[in-house]
Amino acid sequence: MPTRWLNRLGTLLALFLVLNCLGALVLLLNTVLIAFVGTGGGIGLPLRVFDVPVAGMAAPDAAIVSATTDVLVRHQGPAPLVGLLYLLLWVPGVTTTLLALFTVVRALRRAGSGDRALFSTTTAADLRRLGWILIIGSLGTGLLGMVAEPILASMLLAKSYPFYPPPPEVWIGAVTGIAVLAVSEIVRRGLVLLEEVEATI
C-alpha cells in the first residue's frame, strides 16, 4: 500500500478517534445526569428484553420461536446506583475502542515513513498490544455487563432475568484480538527469518 494511502487512513482513523472521544464525553455527561439529576429530559438506558410478545406477527406457515429487543428505559429522578451500573455497562467497551483506535493510529503514523517501518519489530509489538487490548477489553466488557445488566433490569423492568448473555460484539472483539495476535506472530517470525537471510548475505 503506498505511503500516502497509509497516511490518509491514519488521518481518517485519527478523526474517528476524536469523534469517539467526544462520544465518550457525551456518555459520561449522560451518566452524571442519570445519577444526580434524573432522566426526565429524555436520556434512556439501553436494556435487553427477552420473550417479546409476537402473537399475530408470523405468516400462516411460519412460527416465531422467540424474540428479543432493545429498549430505552428512563428513570425519573436522580439514581446514583443506576448511574454507577450504567457506567459499568459502557465504560469497558468504549475504553477498549479508544485504546484500540489509538494503537492503530500510532502504528499507522510510524508505518507511514516507509515499507521498512511498516514491517518492523515495532509494528509487530503494536499488533500484539492491539490483540491483547481487544481480547482483555472484550472479555472485561462481557463480564461487567453480565453483572451490571441483570441488576439494572431488576431495578427498571417489571420482568428481568438472572443471566444476560454478552452481546455478539464481545465475541467478535475477542476473536478479532486472537486473529491480530496471530498476525503479529507471523510478522515477528517473518522479521526473524529476514534478519537471518540478511545476515548470510
Protein backbone atom coordinates (compact mmCIF):
# COMPACT_ATOMS: atom_id res chain seq x y z
CA MET A 1 0.00 0.00 0.00
CA PRO A 2 1.52 3.36 -0.96
CA THR A 3 2.62 5.57 1.89
CA ARG A 4 0.11 8.29 1.03
CA TRP A 5 -2.78 5.86 1.48
CA LEU A 6 -1.43 4.83 4.85
CA ASN A 7 -1.26 8.47 5.84
CA ARG A 8 -4.81 9.08 4.66
CA LEU A 9 -6.05 6.03 6.52
CA GLY A 10 -4.21 7.23 9.64
CA THR A 11 -5.83 10.66 9.33
CA LEU A 12 -9.28 9.12 8.89
CA LEU A 13 -8.84 6.87 11.92
CA ALA A 14 -7.48 9.80 13.95
CA LEU A 15 -10.64 11.74 13.13
CA PHE A 16 -12.71 8.70 14.12
CA LEU A 17 -10.75 8.53 17.39
CA VAL A 18 -11.57 12.18 18.13
CA LEU A 19 -15.26 11.60 17.40
CA ASN A 20 -15.27 8.57 19.71
CA CYS A 21 -13.66 10.66 22.45
CA LEU A 22 -16.45 13.22 22.07
CA GLY A 23 -19.00 10.40 22.18
CA ALA A 24 -17.41 9.11 25.39
CA LEU A 25 -17.73 12.58 26.93
CA VAL A 26 -21.42 12.66 25.99
CA LEU A 27 -21.95 9.26 27.61
CA LEU A 28 -20.15 10.46 30.73
CA LEU A 29 -22.35 13.55 30.87
CA ASN A 30 -25.45 11.39 30.46
CA THR A 31 -24.27 9.13 33.29
CA VAL A 32 -23.76 12.11 35.59
CA LEU A 33 -27.25 13.39 34.74
CA ILE A 34 -28.76 9.96 35.42
CA ALA A 35 -27.00 9.73 38.77
CA PHE A 36 -27.62 13.23 40.10
CA VAL A 37 -30.37 14.93 38.05
CA GLY A 38 -32.63 12.26 36.58
CA THR A 39 -33.53 11.25 33.04
CA GLY A 40 -36.83 13.04 32.60
CA GLY A 41 -35.23 15.08 29.83
CA GLY A 42 -35.08 12.09 27.52
CA ILE A 43 -31.92 10.16 28.42
CA GLY A 44 -32.59 6.44 28.23
CA LEU A 45 -30.67 3.43 29.47
CA PRO A 46 -30.37 0.63 26.90
CA LEU A 47 -31.57 -2.74 28.19
CA ARG A 48 -32.47 -6.01 26.51
CA VAL A 49 -35.93 -7.57 26.79
CA PHE A 50 -36.40 -11.27 26.04
CA ASP A 51 -39.56 -13.19 25.17
CA VAL A 52 -41.21 -10.23 23.48
CA PRO A 53 -44.89 -10.96 22.57
CA VAL A 54 -45.10 -11.72 18.86
CA ALA A 55 -48.66 -13.03 18.53
CA GLY A 56 -50.04 -12.46 15.04
CA MET A 57 -46.72 -11.38 13.52
CA ALA A 58 -45.79 -14.66 11.80
CA ALA A 59 -47.06 -15.80 8.40
CA PRO A 60 -49.61 -18.65 8.37
CA ASP A 61 -46.97 -21.26 7.53
CA ALA A 62 -44.31 -19.90 9.95
CA ALA A 63 -43.84 -19.67 13.67
CA ILE A 64 -41.74 -17.23 15.67
CA VAL A 65 -39.86 -19.17 18.32
CA SER A 66 -38.60 -16.23 20.38
CA ALA A 67 -37.95 -12.53 20.05
CA THR A 68 -35.50 -10.17 21.75
CA THR A 69 -35.45 -6.40 21.53
CA ASP A 70 -33.54 -3.45 22.93
CA VAL A 71 -35.44 -0.85 24.93
CA LEU A 72 -34.52 2.56 26.33
CA VAL A 73 -35.67 2.99 29.93
CA ARG A 74 -35.90 6.37 31.66
CA HIS A 75 -35.58 6.54 35.41
CA GLN A 76 -37.48 9.52 36.77
CA GLY A 77 -35.37 11.31 39.34
CA PRO A 78 -31.74 11.04 40.48
CA ALA A 79 -30.43 7.49 40.87
CA PRO A 80 -26.73 7.19 41.83
CA LEU A 81 -26.79 3.38 41.79
CA VAL A 82 -28.39 3.34 38.34
CA GLY A 83 -25.74 5.77 37.13
CA LEU A 84 -22.96 3.58 38.52
CA LEU A 85 -24.36 0.44 36.90
CA TYR A 86 -24.82 2.28 33.61
CA LEU A 87 -21.18 3.36 33.87
CA LEU A 88 -20.16 -0.29 34.16
CA LEU A 89 -22.17 -1.07 31.03
CA TRP A 90 -20.49 1.35 28.66
CA VAL A 91 -17.06 2.30 30.07
CA PRO A 92 -15.23 -1.01 29.33
CA GLY A 93 -16.39 -1.18 25.72
CA VAL A 94 -15.72 2.49 25.00
CA THR A 95 -12.30 2.33 26.67
CA THR A 96 -11.40 -0.74 24.61
CA THR A 97 -12.45 1.01 21.41
CA LEU A 98 -10.46 4.16 22.22
CA LEU A 99 -7.31 2.23 23.17
CA ALA A 100 -7.57 0.06 20.05
CA LEU A 101 -8.03 3.10 17.78
CA PHE A 102 -5.14 4.92 19.45
CA THR A 103 -2.86 1.90 18.94
CA VAL A 104 -3.81 1.58 15.27
CA VAL A 105 -3.36 5.31 14.61
CA ARG A 106 0.06 5.29 16.28
CA ALA A 107 1.13 2.22 14.29
CA LEU A 108 0.00 3.81 11.02
CA ARG A 109 1.84 7.05 11.81
CA ARG A 110 5.04 5.08 12.37
CA ALA A 111 4.49 2.95 9.28
CA GLY A 112 3.89 5.99 7.10
CA SER A 113 7.64 6.61 6.77
CA GLY A 114 8.16 3.58 4.51
CA ASP A 115 7.85 -0.15 3.98
CA ARG A 116 10.75 -0.89 6.31
CA ALA A 117 8.94 0.87 9.15
CA LEU A 118 5.73 -0.97 8.31
CA PHE A 119 7.34 -4.41 8.60
CA SER A 120 9.33 -3.94 11.78
CA THR A 121 9.51 -5.22 15.33
CA THR A 122 7.73 -2.04 16.43
CA THR A 123 4.77 -2.85 14.20
CA ALA A 124 4.73 -6.43 15.49
CA ALA A 125 4.71 -5.10 19.07
CA ASP A 126 1.86 -2.71 18.21
CA LEU A 127 -0.14 -5.57 16.72
CA ARG A 128 0.47 -7.72 19.78
CA ARG A 129 -0.62 -4.85 22.03
CA LEU A 130 -3.74 -4.32 19.91
CA GLY A 131 -4.61 -8.01 20.12
CA TRP A 132 -4.40 -8.06 23.92
CA ILE A 133 -6.38 -4.83 24.17
CA LEU A 134 -9.19 -6.37 22.12
CA ILE A 135 -9.16 -9.68 24.00
CA ILE A 136 -8.96 -8.31 27.53
CA GLY A 137 -11.26 -5.37 26.78
CA SER A 138 -13.91 -7.53 25.13
CA LEU A 139 -13.91 -10.13 27.90
CA GLY A 140 -13.97 -7.40 30.55
CA THR A 141 -16.88 -5.73 28.79
CA GLY A 142 -18.78 -9.00 28.71
CA LEU A 143 -18.13 -9.88 32.35
CA LEU A 144 -19.03 -6.45 33.72
CA GLY A 145 -22.09 -6.37 31.50
CA MET A 146 -23.27 -9.71 32.86
CA VAL A 147 -23.03 -8.24 36.37
CA ALA A 148 -24.49 -4.78 35.74
CA GLU A 149 -27.29 -5.56 33.26
CA PRO A 150 -29.25 -8.05 35.43
CA ILE A 151 -29.16 -5.62 38.37
CA LEU A 152 -30.29 -2.72 36.20
CA ALA A 153 -33.05 -4.82 34.64
CA SER A 154 -34.32 -5.88 38.08
CA MET A 155 -34.47 -2.22 39.11
CA LEU A 156 -36.03 -0.77 35.96
CA LEU A 157 -38.12 -3.55 34.37
CA ALA A 158 -41.12 -5.44 35.68
CA LYS A 159 -39.64 -8.69 34.38
CA SER A 160 -35.94 -9.46 34.49
CA TYR A 161 -33.65 -12.45 34.28
CA PRO A 162 -30.71 -13.55 36.45
CA PHE A 163 -28.44 -14.04 33.42
CA TYR A 164 -27.95 -11.85 30.36
CA PRO A 165 -25.54 -13.28 27.76
CA PRO A 166 -22.88 -10.93 26.41
CA PRO A 167 -23.79 -9.24 23.11
CA PRO A 168 -22.22 -10.59 19.89
CA GLU A 169 -19.80 -7.64 19.75
CA VAL A 170 -17.97 -9.08 22.76
CA TRP A 171 -17.18 -12.34 20.98
CA ILE A 172 -16.36 -10.56 17.73
CA GLY A 173 -13.87 -8.34 19.57
CA ALA A 174 -12.23 -11.30 21.33
CA VAL A 175 -11.92 -13.34 18.13
CA THR A 176 -10.53 -10.30 16.29
CA GLY A 177 -7.96 -9.88 19.06
CA ILE A 178 -6.87 -13.51 18.68
CA ALA A 179 -6.53 -13.00 14.91
CA VAL A 180 -4.44 -9.86 15.44
CA LEU A 181 -2.17 -11.76 17.84
CA ALA A 182 -1.70 -14.43 15.16
CA VAL A 183 -0.79 -11.76 12.58
CA SER A 184 1.69 -10.18 15.00
CA GLU A 185 3.37 -13.57 15.49
CA ILE A 186 3.56 -14.07 11.71
CA VAL A 187 5.16 -10.64 11.30
CA ARG A 188 7.60 -11.32 14.13
CA ARG A 189 8.70 -14.67 12.70
CA GLY A 190 8.97 -13.16 9.23
CA LEU A 191 11.29 -10.48 10.60
CA VAL A 192 13.43 -13.12 12.32
CA LEU A 193 13.77 -15.01 9.02
CA LEU A 194 14.55 -11.77 7.17
CA GLU A 195 17.28 -10.92 9.65
CA GLU A 196 18.77 -14.41 9.25
CA VAL A 197 18.74 -14.08 5.45
CA GLU A 198 20.33 -10.63 5.57
CA ALA A 199 22.97 -11.92 7.97
CA THR A 200 24.04 -14.60 5.47
CA ILE A 201 24.38 -12.15 2.59
